[in-house]
Amino acid sequence: MVEFDEVRRLIGEILQLGERAQQLTPDTPLLGSIPEFDSMAVVTLINAVEERFDIMVADDEISAETFETVGAVHAFIRDKVMAGT
């Protein structure tokens, strides 16, 4: 099972948020709201997710909705891990 805190820590590491990472909630918007969350951060996050959770993210699975909020990222990862893909 993929815990929210694990995803929050991963996002915090990639965005180098430091202590601010603890303020991330499932409803925290990412795209367009956190300056550090740019296109390079999305690519870095996808690579880190694939490595850490041993999943593959296909190009057609990447959308603005997937990265809209921290909770959306968590749900995406959780669902991929549960599906074993």
PDB file of N, CA and C in Angstrom:
ATOM      1  N   MET A   1       0.844  -1.178   0.000  1.00  0.00           N
ATOM      2  CA  MET A   1       0.000   0.000   0.000  1.00  0.00           C
ATOM      3  C   MET A   1       0.889   1.240   0.000  1.00  0.00           C
ATOM      4  N   VAL A   2       0.537   2.199  -0.780  1.00  0.00           N
ATOM      5  CA  VAL A   2       1.298   3.438  -0.887  1.00  0.00           C
ATOM      6  C   VAL A   2       0.673   4.462   0.054  1.00  0.00           C
ATOM      7  N   GLU A   3       1.442   4.881   1.038  1.00  0.00           N
ATOM      8  CA  GLU A   3       0.956   5.847   2.024  1.00  0.00           C
ATOM      9  C   GLU A   3       1.101   7.275   1.494  1.00  0.00           C
ATOM     10  N   PHE A   4       0.161   8.124   1.893  1.00  0.00           N
ATOM     11  CA  PHE A   4       0.203   9.526   1.476  1.00  0.00           C
ATOM     12  C   PHE A   4       1.505  10.188   1.909  1.00  0.00           C
ATOM     13  N   ASP A   5       1.938   9.925   3.145  1.00  0.00           N
ATOM     14  CA  ASP A   5       3.162  10.556   3.651  1.00  0.00           C
ATOM     15  C   ASP A   5       4.373  10.227   2.791  1.00  0.00           C
ATOM     16  N   GLU A   6       4.425   9.022   2.258  1.00  0.00           N
ATOM     17  CA  GLU A   6       5.541   8.630   1.401  1.00  0.00           C
ATOM     18  C   GLU A   6       5.553   9.458   0.114  1.00  0.00           C
ATOM     19  N   VAL A   7       4.379   9.666  -0.450  1.00  0.00           N
ATOM     20  CA  VAL A   7       4.269  10.471  -1.666  1.00  0.00           C
ATOM     21  C   VAL A   7       4.579  11.933  -1.349  1.00  0.00           C
ATOM     22  N   ARG A   8       4.090  12.418  -0.223  1.00  0.00           N
ATOM     23  CA  ARG A   8       4.365  13.802   0.185  1.00  0.00           C
ATOM     24  C   ARG A   8       5.869  14.022   0.346  1.00  0.00           C
ATOM     25  N   ARG A   9       6.549  13.076   0.994  1.00  0.00           N
ATOM     26  CA  ARG A   9       8.003  13.192   1.164  1.00  0.00           C
ATOM     27  C   ARG A   9       8.716  13.203  -0.184  1.00  0.00           C
ATOM     28  N   LEU A  10       8.287  12.324  -1.088  1.00  0.00           N
ATOM     29  CA  LEU A  10       8.905  12.254  -2.412  1.00  0.00           C
ATOM     30  C   LEU A  10       8.742  13.576  -3.160  1.00  0.00           C
ATOM     31  N   ILE A  11       7.545  14.120  -3.150  1.00  0.00           N
ATOM     32  CA  ILE A  11       7.302  15.406  -3.809  1.00  0.00           C
ATOM     33  C   ILE A  11       8.145  16.494  -3.148  1.00  0.00           C
ATOM     34  N   GLY A  12       8.200  16.489  -1.829  1.00  0.00           N
ATOM     35  CA  GLY A  12       9.008  17.470  -1.107  1.00  0.00           C
ATOM     36  C   GLY A  12      10.478  17.380  -1.454  1.00  0.00           C
ATOM     37  N   GLU A  13      10.985  16.159  -1.593  1.00  0.00           N
ATOM     38  CA  GLU A  13      12.395  15.963  -1.967  1.00  0.00           C
ATOM     39  C   GLU A  13      12.667  16.500  -3.364  1.00  0.00           C
ATOM     40  N   ILE A  14      11.812  16.152  -4.295  1.00  0.00           N
ATOM     41  CA  ILE A  14      12.026  16.547  -5.687  1.00  0.00           C
ATOM     42  C   ILE A  14      11.936  18.061  -5.847  1.00  0.00           C
ATOM     43  N   LEU A  15      10.977  18.665  -5.154  1.00  0.00           N
ATOM     44  CA  LEU A  15      10.804  20.114  -5.258  1.00  0.00           C
ATOM     45  C   LEU A  15      11.704  20.876  -4.301  1.00  0.00           C
ATOM     46  N   GLN A  16      12.459  20.144  -3.489  1.00  0.00           N
ATOM     47  CA  GLN A  16      13.354  20.737  -2.492  1.00  0.00           C
ATOM     48  C   GLN A  16      12.601  21.727  -1.605  1.00  0.00           C
ATOM     49  N   LEU A  17      11.483  21.257  -1.056  1.00  0.00           N
ATOM     50  CA  LEU A  17      10.629  22.116  -0.240  1.00  0.00           C
ATOM     51  C   LEU A  17      11.071  22.210   1.213  1.00  0.00           C
ATOM     52  N   GLY A  18      11.925  21.309   1.639  1.00  0.00           N
ATOM     53  CA  GLY A  18      12.360  21.327   3.035  1.00  0.00           C
ATOM     54  C   GLY A  18      11.177  21.134   3.970  1.00  0.00           C
ATOM     55  N   GLU A  19      11.106  21.976   4.994  1.00  0.00           N
ATOM     56  CA  GLU A  19      10.029  21.889   5.988  1.00  0.00           C
ATOM     57  C   GLU A  19       8.653  22.177   5.391  1.00  0.00           C
ATOM     58  N   ARG A  20       8.604  22.904   4.287  1.00  0.00           N
ATOM     59  CA  ARG A  20       7.308  23.216   3.658  1.00  0.00           C
ATOM     60  C   ARG A  20       6.590  21.964   3.181  1.00  0.00           C
ATOM     61  N   ALA A  21       7.322  20.878   2.979  1.00  0.00           N
ATOM     62  CA  ALA A  21       6.701  19.633   2.514  1.00  0.00           C
ATOM     63  C   ALA A  21       5.664  19.132   3.511  1.00  0.00           C
ATOM     64  N   GLN A  22       5.869  19.398   4.794  1.00  0.00           N
ATOM     65  CA  GLN A  22       4.913  18.956   5.813  1.00  0.00           C
ATOM     66  C   GLN A  22       3.560  19.651   5.676  1.00  0.00           C
ATOM     67  N   GLN A  23       3.528  20.774   4.991  1.00  0.00           N
ATOM     68  CA  GLN A  23       2.282  21.520   4.807  1.00  0.00           C
ATOM     69  C   GLN A  23       1.455  20.996   3.635  1.00  0.00           C
ATOM     70  N   LEU A  24       2.025  20.099   2.851  1.00  0.00           N
ATOM     71  CA  LEU A  24       1.290  19.547   1.712  1.00  0.00           C
ATOM     72  C   LEU A  24       0.174  18.637   2.202  1.00  0.00           C
ATOM     73  N   THR A  25      -1.017  18.859   1.690  1.00  0.00           N
ATOM     74  CA  THR A  25      -2.176  18.026   2.007  1.00  0.00           C
ATOM     75  C   THR A  25      -2.670  17.402   0.701  1.00  0.00           C
ATOM     76  N   PRO A  26      -3.595  16.457   0.777  1.00  0.00           N
ATOM     77  CA  PRO A  26      -4.132  15.894  -0.465  1.00  0.00           C
ATOM     78  C   PRO A  26      -4.745  16.949  -1.389  1.00  0.00           C
ATOM     79  N   ASP A  27      -5.249  18.041  -0.811  1.00  0.00           N
ATOM     80  CA  ASP A  27      -5.895  19.083  -1.611  1.00  0.00           C
ATOM     81  C   ASP A  27      -4.941  20.167  -2.097  1.00  0.00           C
ATOM     82  N   THR A  28      -3.666  20.076  -1.730  1.00  0.00           N
ATOM     83  CA  THR A  28      -2.699  21.091  -2.149  1.00  0.00           C
ATOM     84  C   THR A  28      -2.535  21.057  -3.667  1.00  0.00           C
ATOM     85  N   PRO A  29      -2.839  22.180  -4.337  1.00  0.00           N
ATOM     86  CA  PRO A  29      -2.655  22.218  -5.789  1.00  0.00           C
ATOM     87  C   PRO A  29      -1.171  22.235  -6.145  1.00  0.00           C
ATOM     88  N   LEU A  30      -0.816  21.590  -7.235  1.00  0.00           N
ATOM     89  CA  LEU A  30       0.571  21.556  -7.696  1.00  0.00           C
ATOM     90  C   LEU A  30       0.750  22.403  -8.952  1.00  0.00           C
ATOM     91  N   LEU A  31       0.154  21.959 -10.048  1.00  0.00           N
ATOM     92  CA  LEU A  31       0.335  22.656 -11.325  1.00  0.00           C
ATOM     93  C   LEU A  31      -0.163  24.093 -11.238  1.00  0.00           C
ATOM     94  N   GLY A  32       0.728  25.022 -11.529  1.00  0.00           N
ATOM     95  CA  GLY A  32       0.358  26.429 -11.527  1.00  0.00           C
ATOM     96  C   GLY A  32       0.317  27.070 -10.164  1.00  0.00           C
ATOM     97  N   SER A  33       0.539  26.305  -9.099  1.00  0.00           N
ATOM     98  CA  SER A  33       0.446  26.853  -7.750  1.00  0.00           C
ATOM     99  C   SER A  33       1.771  26.858  -7.004  1.00  0.00           C
ATOM    100  N   ILE A  34       2.603  25.878  -7.273  1.00  0.00           N
ATOM    101  CA  ILE A  34       3.906  25.798  -6.618  1.00  0.00           C
ATOM    102  C   ILE A  34       4.950  26.095  -7.688  1.00  0.00           C
ATOM    103  N   PRO A  35       5.654  27.227  -7.558  1.00  0.00           N
ATOM    104  CA  PRO A  35       6.607  27.623  -8.603  1.00  0.00           C
ATOM    105  C   PRO A  35       7.640  26.550  -8.930  1.00  0.00           C
ATOM    106  N   GLU A  36       8.030  25.778  -7.937  1.00  0.00           N
ATOM    107  CA  GLU A  36       9.033  24.740  -8.155  1.00  0.00           C
ATOM    108  C   GLU A  36       8.512  23.589  -9.016  1.00  0.00           C
ATOM    109  N   PHE A  37       7.188  23.464  -9.141  1.00  0.00           N
ATOM    110  CA  PHE A  37       6.595  22.346  -9.883  1.00  0.00           C
ATOM    111  C   PHE A  37       6.439  22.731 -11.351  1.00  0.00           C
ATOM    112  N   ASP A  38       7.549  22.649 -12.072  1.00  0.00           N
ATOM    113  CA  ASP A  38       7.554  22.968 -13.493  1.00  0.00           C
ATOM    114  C   ASP A  38       7.669  21.679 -14.306  1.00  0.00           C
ATOM    115  N   SER A  39       7.837  21.814 -15.608  1.00  0.00           N
ATOM    116  CA  SER A  39       7.873  20.625 -16.469  1.00  0.00           C
ATOM    117  C   SER A  39       9.039  19.700 -16.128  1.00  0.00           C
ATOM    118  N   MET A  40      10.162  20.259 -15.745  1.00  0.00           N
ATOM    119  CA  MET A  40      11.306  19.422 -15.358  1.00  0.00           C
ATOM    120  C   MET A  40      11.007  18.664 -14.067  1.00  0.00           C
ATOM    121  N   ALA A  41      10.302  19.299 -13.149  1.00  0.00           N
ATOM    122  CA  ALA A  41       9.927  18.631 -11.901  1.00  0.00           C
ATOM    123  C   ALA A  41       8.971  17.479 -12.179  1.00  0.00           C
ATOM    124  N   VAL A  42       8.077  17.652 -13.142  1.00  0.00           N
ATOM    125  CA  VAL A  42       7.150  16.576 -13.508  1.00  0.00           C
ATOM    126  C   VAL A  42       7.933  15.370 -14.026  1.00  0.00           C
ATOM    127  N   VAL A  43       8.888  15.613 -14.904  1.00  0.00           N
ATOM    128  CA  VAL A  43       9.704  14.522 -15.453  1.00  0.00           C
ATOM    129  C   VAL A  43      10.497  13.843 -14.340  1.00  0.00           C
ATOM    130  N   THR A  44      11.086  14.639 -13.459  1.00  0.00           N
ATOM    131  CA  THR A  44      11.855  14.090 -12.341  1.00  0.00           C
ATOM    132  C   THR A  44      10.964  13.269 -11.426  1.00  0.00           C
ATOM    133  N   LEU A  45       9.755  13.765 -11.159  1.00  0.00           N
ATOM    134  CA  LEU A  45       8.817  13.038 -10.305  1.00  0.00           C
ATOM    135  C   LEU A  45       8.418  11.713 -10.949  1.00  0.00           C
ATOM    136  N   ILE A  46       8.132  11.725 -12.224  1.00  0.00           N
ATOM    137  CA  ILE A  46       7.757  10.485 -12.918  1.00  0.00           C
ATOM    138  C   ILE A  46       8.888   9.464 -12.824  1.00  0.00           C
ATOM    139  N   ASN A  47      10.109   9.899 -13.081  1.00  0.00           N
ATOM    140  CA  ASN A  47      11.255   8.986 -12.989  1.00  0.00           C
ATOM    141  C   ASN A  47      11.417   8.438 -11.579  1.00  0.00           C
ATOM    142  N   ALA A  48      11.277   9.296 -10.580  1.00  0.00           N
ATOM    143  CA  ALA A  48      11.419   8.864  -9.187  1.00  0.00           C
ATOM    144  C   ALA A  48      10.313   7.890  -8.793  1.00  0.00           C
ATOM    145  N   VAL A  49       9.097   8.157  -9.242  1.00  0.00           N
ATOM    146  CA  VAL A  49       7.962   7.276  -8.950  1.00  0.00           C
ATOM    147  C   VAL A  49       8.189   5.907  -9.579  1.00  0.00           C
ATOM    148  N   GLU A  50       8.645   5.891 -10.818  1.00  0.00           N
ATOM    149  CA  GLU A  50       8.898   4.615 -11.494  1.00  0.00           C
ATOM    150  C   GLU A  50       9.955   3.802 -10.745  1.00  0.00           C
ATOM    151  N   GLU A  51      10.998   4.462 -10.293  1.00  0.00           N
ATOM    152  CA  GLU A  51      12.060   3.756  -9.567  1.00  0.00           C
ATOM    153  C   GLU A  51      11.609   3.298  -8.186  1.00  0.00           C
ATOM    154  N   ARG A  52      11.036   4.215  -7.421  1.00  0.00           N
ATOM    155  CA  ARG A  52      10.696   3.918  -6.034  1.00  0.00           C
ATOM    156  C   ARG A  52       9.589   2.883  -5.910  1.00  0.00           C
ATOM    157  N   PHE A  53       8.602   2.947  -6.789  1.00  0.00           N
ATOM    158  CA  PHE A  53       7.443   2.067  -6.662  1.00  0.00           C
ATOM    159  C   PHE A  53       7.439   0.933  -7.683  1.00  0.00           C
ATOM    160  N   ASP A  54       8.490   0.846  -8.476  1.00  0.00           N
ATOM    161  CA  ASP A  54       8.652  -0.215  -9.466  1.00  0.00           C
ATOM    162  C   ASP A  54       7.437  -0.322 -10.389  1.00  0.00           C
ATOM    163  N   ILE A  55       7.061   0.821 -10.959  1.00  0.00           N
ATOM    164  CA  ILE A  55       5.954   0.879 -11.912  1.00  0.00           C
ATOM    165  C   ILE A  55       6.443   1.589 -13.172  1.00  0.00           C
ATOM    166  N   MET A  56       5.672   1.467 -14.226  1.00  0.00           N
ATOM    167  CA  MET A  56       5.957   2.177 -15.470  1.00  0.00           C
ATOM    168  C   MET A  56       4.815   3.150 -15.734  1.00  0.00           C
ATOM    169  N   VAL A  57       5.164   4.378 -16.057  1.00  0.00           N
ATOM    170  CA  VAL A  57       4.170   5.388 -16.381  1.00  0.00           C
ATOM    171  C   VAL A  57       4.226   5.621 -17.886  1.00  0.00           C
ATOM    172  N   ALA A  58       3.152   5.263 -18.563  1.00  0.00           N
ATOM    173  CA  ALA A  58       3.080   5.438 -20.016  1.00  0.00           C
ATOM    174  C   ALA A  58       2.764   6.892 -20.352  1.00  0.00           C
ATOM    175  N   ASP A  59       3.212   7.322 -21.506  1.00  0.00           N
ATOM    176  CA  ASP A  59       2.978   8.701 -21.935  1.00  0.00           C
ATOM    177  C   ASP A  59       1.499   9.066 -21.918  1.00  0.00           C
ATOM    178  N   ASP A  60       0.642   8.132 -22.312  1.00  0.00           N
ATOM    179  CA  ASP A  60      -0.791   8.445 -22.368  1.00  0.00           C
ATOM    180  C   ASP A  60      -1.446   8.498 -20.988  1.00  0.00           C
ATOM    181  N   GLU A  61      -0.709   8.166 -19.944  1.00  0.00           N
ATOM    182  CA  GLU A  61      -1.226   8.266 -18.577  1.00  0.00           C
ATOM    183  C   GLU A  61      -0.900   9.615 -17.944  1.00  0.00           C
ATOM    184  N   ILE A  62      -0.085  10.393 -18.613  1.00  0.00           N
ATOM    185  CA  ILE A  62       0.345  11.678 -18.074  1.00  0.00           C
ATOM    186  C   ILE A  62      -0.623  12.751 -18.542  1.00  0.00           C
ATOM    187  N   SER A  63      -1.242  13.412 -17.563  1.00  0.00           N
ATOM    188  CA  SER A  63      -2.181  14.482 -17.885  1.00  0.00           C
ATOM    189  C   SER A  63      -2.126  15.536 -16.787  1.00  0.00           C
ATOM    190  N   ALA A  64      -2.708  16.674 -17.067  1.00  0.00           N
ATOM    191  CA  ALA A  64      -2.755  17.742 -16.071  1.00  0.00           C
ATOM    192  C   ALA A  64      -3.512  17.282 -14.828  1.00  0.00           C
ATOM    193  N   GLU A  65      -4.538  16.465 -15.009  1.00  0.00           N
ATOM    194  CA  GLU A  65      -5.326  15.990 -13.875  1.00  0.00           C
ATOM    195  C   GLU A  65      -4.491  15.119 -12.935  1.00  0.00           C
ATOM    196  N   THR A  66      -3.581  14.342 -13.501  1.00  0.00           N
ATOM    197  CA  THR A  66      -2.732  13.466 -12.692  1.00  0.00           C
ATOM    198  C   THR A  66      -1.884  14.271 -11.729  1.00  0.00           C
ATOM    199  N   PHE A  67      -1.467  15.464 -12.137  1.00  0.00           N
ATOM    200  CA  PHE A  67      -0.568  16.283 -11.333  1.00  0.00           C
ATOM    201  C   PHE A  67      -1.239  17.544 -10.805  1.00  0.00           C
ATOM    202  N   GLU A  68      -2.563  17.542 -10.780  1.00  0.00           N
ATOM    203  CA  GLU A  68      -3.301  18.721 -10.336  1.00  0.00           C
ATOM    204  C   GLU A  68      -3.106  18.990  -8.849  1.00  0.00           C
ATOM    205  N   THR A  69      -3.176  17.936  -8.034  1.00  0.00           N
ATOM    206  CA  THR A  69      -3.008  18.078  -6.585  1.00  0.00           C
ATOM    207  C   THR A  69      -2.090  16.975  -6.068  1.00  0.00           C
ATOM    208  N   VAL A  70      -1.637  17.148  -4.838  1.00  0.00           N
ATOM    209  CA  VAL A  70      -0.816  16.115  -4.209  1.00  0.00           C
ATOM    210  C   VAL A  70      -1.638  14.836  -4.068  1.00  0.00           C
ATOM    211  N   GLY A  71      -2.912  14.974  -3.729  1.00  0.00           N
ATOM    212  CA  GLY A  71      -3.787  13.813  -3.599  1.00  0.00           C
ATOM    213  C   GLY A  71      -3.981  13.076  -4.912  1.00  0.00           C
ATOM    214  N   ALA A  72      -4.038  13.811  -6.017  1.00  0.00           N
ATOM    215  CA  ALA A  72      -4.179  13.178  -7.333  1.00  0.00           C
ATOM    216  C   ALA A  72      -2.935  12.362  -7.668  1.00  0.00           C
ATOM    217  N   VAL A  73      -1.764  12.889  -7.332  1.00  0.00           N
ATOM    218  CA  VAL A  73      -0.519  12.145  -7.557  1.00  0.00           C
ATOM    219  C   VAL A  73      -0.521  10.883  -6.708  1.00  0.00           C
ATOM    220  N   HIS A  74      -0.919  11.020  -5.440  1.00  0.00           N
ATOM    221  CA  HIS A  74      -0.975   9.862  -4.541  1.00  0.00           C
ATOM    222  C   HIS A  74      -1.929   8.804  -5.087  1.00  0.00           C
ATOM    223  N   ALA A  75      -3.122   9.218  -5.507  1.00  0.00           N
ATOM    224  CA  ALA A  75      -4.112   8.271  -6.027  1.00  0.00           C
ATOM    225  C   ALA A  75      -3.592   7.574  -7.282  1.00  0.00           C
ATOM    226  N   PHE A  76      -2.932   8.316  -8.148  1.00  0.00           N
ATOM    227  CA  PHE A  76      -2.375   7.735  -9.370  1.00  0.00           C
ATOM    228  C   PHE A  76      -1.354   6.653  -9.028  1.00  0.00           C
ATOM    229  N   ILE A  77      -0.426   6.988  -8.128  1.00  0.00           N
ATOM    230  CA  ILE A  77       0.613   6.024  -7.744  1.00  0.00           C
ATOM    231  C   ILE A  77      -0.012   4.816  -7.061  1.00  0.00           C
ATOM    232  N   ARG A  78      -0.917   5.058  -6.131  1.00  0.00           N
ATOM    233  CA  ARG A  78      -1.579   3.968  -5.403  1.00  0.00           C
ATOM    234  C   ARG A  78      -2.284   3.020  -6.361  1.00  0.00           C
ATOM    235  N   ASP A  79      -3.023   3.580  -7.306  1.00  0.00           N
ATOM    236  CA  ASP A  79      -3.760   2.751  -8.261  1.00  0.00           C
ATOM    237  C   ASP A  79      -2.820   1.949  -9.161  1.00  0.00           C
ATOM    238  N   LYS A  80      -1.721   2.570  -9.592  1.00  0.00           N
ATOM    239  CA  LYS A  80      -0.748   1.864 -10.434  1.00  0.00           C
ATOM    240  C   LYS A  80      -0.102   0.714  -9.667  1.00  0.00           C
ATOM    241  N   VAL A  81       0.259   0.959  -8.415  1.00  0.00           N
ATOM    242  CA  VAL A  81       0.893  -0.084  -7.600  1.00  0.00           C
ATOM    243  C   VAL A  81      -0.086  -1.226  -7.360  1.00  0.00           C
ATOM    244  N   MET A  82      -1.330  -0.890  -7.046  1.00  0.00           N
ATOM    245  CA  MET A  82      -2.333  -1.926  -6.788  1.00  0.00           C
ATOM    246  C   MET A  82      -2.614  -2.750  -8.044  1.00  0.00           C
ATOM    247  N   ALA A  83      -2.541  -2.106  -9.208  1.00  0.00           N
ATOM    248  CA  ALA A  83      -2.773  -2.815 -10.471  1.00  0.00           C
ATOM    249  C   ALA A  83      -1.545  -3.618 -10.894  1.00  0.00           C
ATOM    250  N   GLY A  84      -0.412  -3.307 -10.268  1.00  0.00           N
ATOM    251  CA  GLY A  84       0.810  -4.030 -10.594  1.00  0.00           C
ATOM    252  C   GLY A  84       1.403  -3.668 -11.934  1.00  0.00           C
ATOM    253  N   THR A  85       1.153  -2.403 -12.372  1.00  0.00           N
ATOM    254  CA  THR A  85       1.680  -1.990 -13.680  1.00  0.00           C
ATOM    255  C   THR A  85       2.688  -0.886 -13.556  1.00  0.00           C
TER     256      THR A  85
END
